[in-house]
Protein backbone atom coordinates (compact mmCIF):
# COMPACT_ATOMS: atom_id res chain seq x y z
CA UNK A 1 97.25 65.40 117.55
CA UNK A 2 94.45 66.75 116.99
CA UNK A 3 93.96 68.59 113.11
CA UNK A 4 91.77 71.36 112.91
CA UNK A 5 90.92 73.24 109.39
CA UNK A 6 91.78 76.17 109.20
CA UNK A 7 87.63 76.94 108.20
CA UNK A 8 87.69 76.24 112.13
CA UNK A 9 86.57 79.46 114.30
CA UNK A 10 89.70 78.90 116.15
CA UNK A 11 92.15 79.32 113.38
CA UNK A 12 91.19 82.91 113.74
CA UNK A 13 93.85 83.84 116.61
CA UNK A 14 96.99 82.57 113.90
CA UNK A 15 95.38 83.85 110.70
CA UNK A 16 92.45 84.38 108.25
CA UNK A 17 91.41 82.54 104.81
CA UNK A 18 91.85 85.14 101.95
CA UNK A 19 88.90 85.28 99.95
CA UNK A 20 88.12 87.22 96.49
CA UNK A 21 92.15 86.31 95.05
CA UNK A 22 92.40 83.99 92.30
CA UNK A 23 95.81 82.10 92.99
CA UNK A 24 95.03 79.49 89.95
CA UNK A 25 98.13 80.60 88.11
CA UNK A 26 100.64 80.86 90.83
CA UNK A 27 99.15 76.83 91.94
CA UNK A 28 100.17 75.56 88.45
CA UNK A 29 103.47 76.95 88.64
CA UNK A 30 104.32 75.58 92.16
CA UNK A 31 103.35 72.05 91.03
CA UNK A 32 106.33 72.57 88.10
CA UNK A 33 108.87 73.45 91.08
CA UNK A 34 111.17 71.13 92.82
CA UNK A 35 110.02 69.02 95.58
CA UNK A 36 112.19 67.01 97.28
CA UNK A 37 111.69 63.43 99.19
CA UNK A 38 112.71 63.34 102.95
CA UNK A 39 113.58 66.89 102.37
CA UNK A 40 112.27 70.67 102.59
CA UNK A 41 113.31 73.40 99.88
CA UNK A 42 112.33 76.82 100.43
CA UNK A 43 113.72 79.87 98.17
CA UNK A 44 112.15 83.47 99.20
CA UNK A 45 111.67 84.29 95.89
CA UNK A 46 111.04 82.83 92.52
CA UNK A 47 110.62 84.92 88.93
CA UNK A 48 107.83 82.51 87.67
CA UNK A 49 105.70 82.69 90.69
CA UNK A 50 106.04 86.61 90.89
CA UNK A 51 105.02 87.19 87.08
CA UNK A 52 101.83 85.68 88.11
CA UNK A 53 98.65 88.09 87.72
CA UNK A 54 97.69 87.57 91.23
CA UNK A 55 100.55 89.27 92.49
CA UNK A 56 99.42 93.01 91.49
CA UNK A 57 96.62 91.59 93.77
CA UNK A 58 98.58 90.53 96.88
CA UNK A 59 101.41 93.65 96.79
CA UNK A 60 98.44 96.24 96.32
CA UNK A 61 95.50 94.73 98.69
CA UNK A 62 96.96 92.19 101.22
CA UNK A 63 100.37 94.55 101.93
CA UNK A 64 99.14 97.37 101.08
CA UNK A 65 101.50 98.46 98.35
CA UNK A 66 104.65 97.25 99.93
CA UNK A 67 107.60 95.59 98.14
CA UNK A 68 106.85 91.80 98.61
CA UNK A 69 108.48 88.71 97.34
CA UNK A 70 106.76 85.69 96.10
CA UNK A 71 108.64 82.35 96.85
CA UNK A 72 107.73 78.38 97.69
CA UNK A 73 108.41 75.92 100.22
CA UNK A 74 108.03 72.40 98.74
CA UNK A 75 108.69 68.95 100.41
CA UNK A 76 108.39 66.08 102.51
CA UNK A 77 108.05 66.91 106.32
CA UNK A 78 106.45 65.47 109.34
CA UNK A 79 108.18 67.30 112.17
CA UNK A 80 107.94 70.64 113.91
CA UNK A 81 111.61 71.48 114.46
CA UNK A 82 111.36 75.04 115.13
CA UNK A 83 109.18 78.14 115.32
CA UNK A 84 110.00 81.33 113.40
CA UNK A 85 107.85 84.64 113.27
CA UNK A 86 108.09 88.05 111.51
CA UNK A 87 107.70 91.70 111.67
CA UNK A 88 104.78 91.36 109.09
CA UNK A 89 102.13 88.72 108.04
CA UNK A 90 103.17 85.68 105.67
CA UNK A 91 100.57 84.14 102.78
CA UNK A 92 100.45 80.74 102.18
CA UNK A 93 99.44 79.35 98.96
CA UNK A 94 98.31 75.66 99.20
CA UNK A 95 98.79 73.97 96.07
CA UNK A 96 98.00 70.65 97.35
CA UNK A 97 97.00 69.80 101.05
CA UNK A 98 99.12 70.06 103.51
CA UNK A 99 99.31 70.77 107.37
CA UNK A 100 100.45 73.72 109.19
CA UNK A 101 102.04 74.11 113.05
CA UNK A 102 100.70 77.18 114.81
CA UNK A 103 101.18 79.28 117.91
CA UNK A 104 101.44 82.97 119.55
CA UNK A 105 104.47 84.64 119.76
CA UNK A 106 103.31 85.49 123.33
CA UNK A 107 103.66 82.51 124.74
CA UNK A 108 107.50 82.95 124.38
CA UNK A 109 109.08 83.22 128.06
CA UNK A 110 111.00 85.76 129.12
CA UNK A 111 113.89 83.62 128.58
CA UNK A 112 112.89 82.98 125.31
CA UNK A 113 112.12 79.43 125.58
CA UNK A 114 108.97 77.88 124.48
CA UNK A 115 106.84 74.99 125.43
CA UNK A 116 105.63 72.66 121.95
CA UNK A 117 102.75 71.20 123.46
CA UNK A 118 100.92 75.02 123.19
CA UNK A 119 101.24 74.34 119.45
CA UNK A 120 97.83 73.71 117.33
CA UNK A 121 97.88 71.44 114.27
CA UNK A 122 95.43 72.99 111.26
CA UNK A 123 95.07 71.57 107.56
CA UNK A 124 95.07 73.97 104.79
CA UNK A 125 92.64 72.46 101.99
CA UNK A 126 94.51 72.62 98.18
CA UNK A 127 93.99 75.48 96.42
CA UNK A 128 93.50 77.44 100.01
CA UNK A 129 95.65 80.53 100.41
CA UNK A 130 95.65 81.80 103.83
CA UNK A 131 97.50 84.99 106.06
CA UNK A 132 99.41 84.05 108.73
CA UNK A 133 99.79 86.80 111.27
CA UNK A 134 103.13 88.57 112.27
CA UNK A 135 102.31 87.20 116.09
CA UNK A 136 101.69 83.34 114.90
CA UNK A 137 105.07 80.70 115.46
CA UNK A 138 105.37 78.82 112.48
CA UNK A 139 107.80 76.72 110.29
CA UNK A 140 107.84 74.72 107.66
CA UNK A 141 104.70 73.06 106.54
CA UNK A 142 104.28 69.66 106.90
CA UNK A 143 102.68 66.45 104.87
CA UNK A 144 98.87 65.67 104.82
CA UNK A 145 97.53 62.20 103.89
CA UNK A 146 101.00 60.67 103.64
CA UNK A 147 101.65 63.21 100.62
CA UNK A 148 104.94 65.59 99.84
CA UNK A 149 103.78 69.66 99.81
CA UNK A 150 104.06 72.15 97.43
CA UNK A 151 103.30 75.88 99.43
CA UNK A 152 103.64 79.70 98.24
CA UNK A 153 105.19 82.12 100.42
CA UNK A 154 104.62 85.86 100.24
CA UNK A 155 106.58 87.92 102.77
CA UNK A 156 108.33 91.76 102.71
CA UNK A 157 111.37 91.69 100.45
CA UNK A 158 114.23 90.58 101.39
CA UNK A 159 112.71 88.25 104.28
CA UNK A 160 114.57 85.10 104.75
CA UNK A 161 117.84 86.30 103.17
CA UNK A 162 121.26 86.31 104.38
CA UNK A 163 121.98 89.14 107.65
CA UNK A 164 125.02 91.02 106.69
CA UNK A 165 125.22 92.99 110.05
CA UNK A 166 125.43 91.59 114.26
CA UNK A 167 123.18 92.85 116.49
CA UNK A 168 123.09 92.71 119.91
CA UNK A 169 120.81 95.43 121.57
CA UNK A 170 118.12 93.21 123.30
CA UNK A 171 117.93 89.98 124.77
CA UNK A 172 115.74 88.64 121.51
CA UNK A 173 118.89 89.47 118.89
CA UNK A 174 120.17 86.37 120.18
CA UNK A 175 116.75 84.63 117.97
CA UNK A 176 117.89 86.54 114.71
CA UNK A 177 118.51 84.28 112.47
CA UNK A 178 117.99 86.03 108.61
CA UNK A 179 116.26 89.24 108.05
CA UNK A 180 113.41 89.71 109.38
CA UNK A 181 113.53 86.28 110.70
CA UNK A 182 113.38 85.38 114.69
CA UNK A 183 113.53 81.82 115.29
CA UNK A 184 113.71 78.81 118.05
CA UNK A 185 114.89 75.47 117.18
CA UNK A 186 114.29 71.84 119.00
CA UNK A 187 117.39 70.45 119.89
CA UNK A 188 116.67 67.24 117.95
CA UNK A 189 116.50 69.29 115.05
CA UNK A 190 120.25 70.32 114.95
CA UNK A 191 119.85 73.44 113.04
CA UNK A 192 123.32 75.07 113.03
CA UNK A 193 123.51 78.59 114.43
CA UNK A 194 120.58 78.69 115.99
CA UNK A 195 118.89 78.89 119.67
CA UNK A 196 117.59 75.73 120.44
CA UNK A 197 115.18 76.80 123.39
CA UNK A 198 112.09 74.69 122.40
CA UNK A 199 110.93 72.97 125.30
CA UNK A 200 109.22 69.72 124.96
CA UNK A 201 108.41 66.93 121.89
CA UNK A 202 109.64 68.01 118.69
CA UNK A 203 106.48 67.27 117.78
CA UNK A 204 105.58 65.87 114.63
CA UNK A 205 101.98 64.89 112.59
């Protein structure tokens, strides 16, 4: 698989590199948080990250004053396993080099399946923050250069938290996996309770 940089023009349909906000305090915090071997850990919100000085600029500039949460996703992963999307952009802050696999929500078929061959891989260099658009399919980061990853994740408040309701109004509802999180998994990933609609290889980097 070809791995491009987020600075490549082809990244622009998926998101953009964030300029003008200093994320150095966040990166120092991310370096102290758990980072398992052969596994991935995700927390929607972490007090140490939400107390960083850049949080004000993230909330006011990047989200226009909306309530947001600042968590992290750290670990050791080389597989796609699933794709998810939200109704809002997601901000990713790379404390280490990492590779993200991205696709377009517009390529989900009417039967809610998605061909994994349409995914593209992009390297986010350490110290870089990117906005991942709401229509961009994504999931957990992947290792770069054989090293584990550490990535900060900012999203609207309560995103990725447990559902306390059930819904069956539209066909898309069967993808709703958590608050503001629609997910399509690969059968090889065995994600309990998910819709296994990824077609093709469970791609890896």
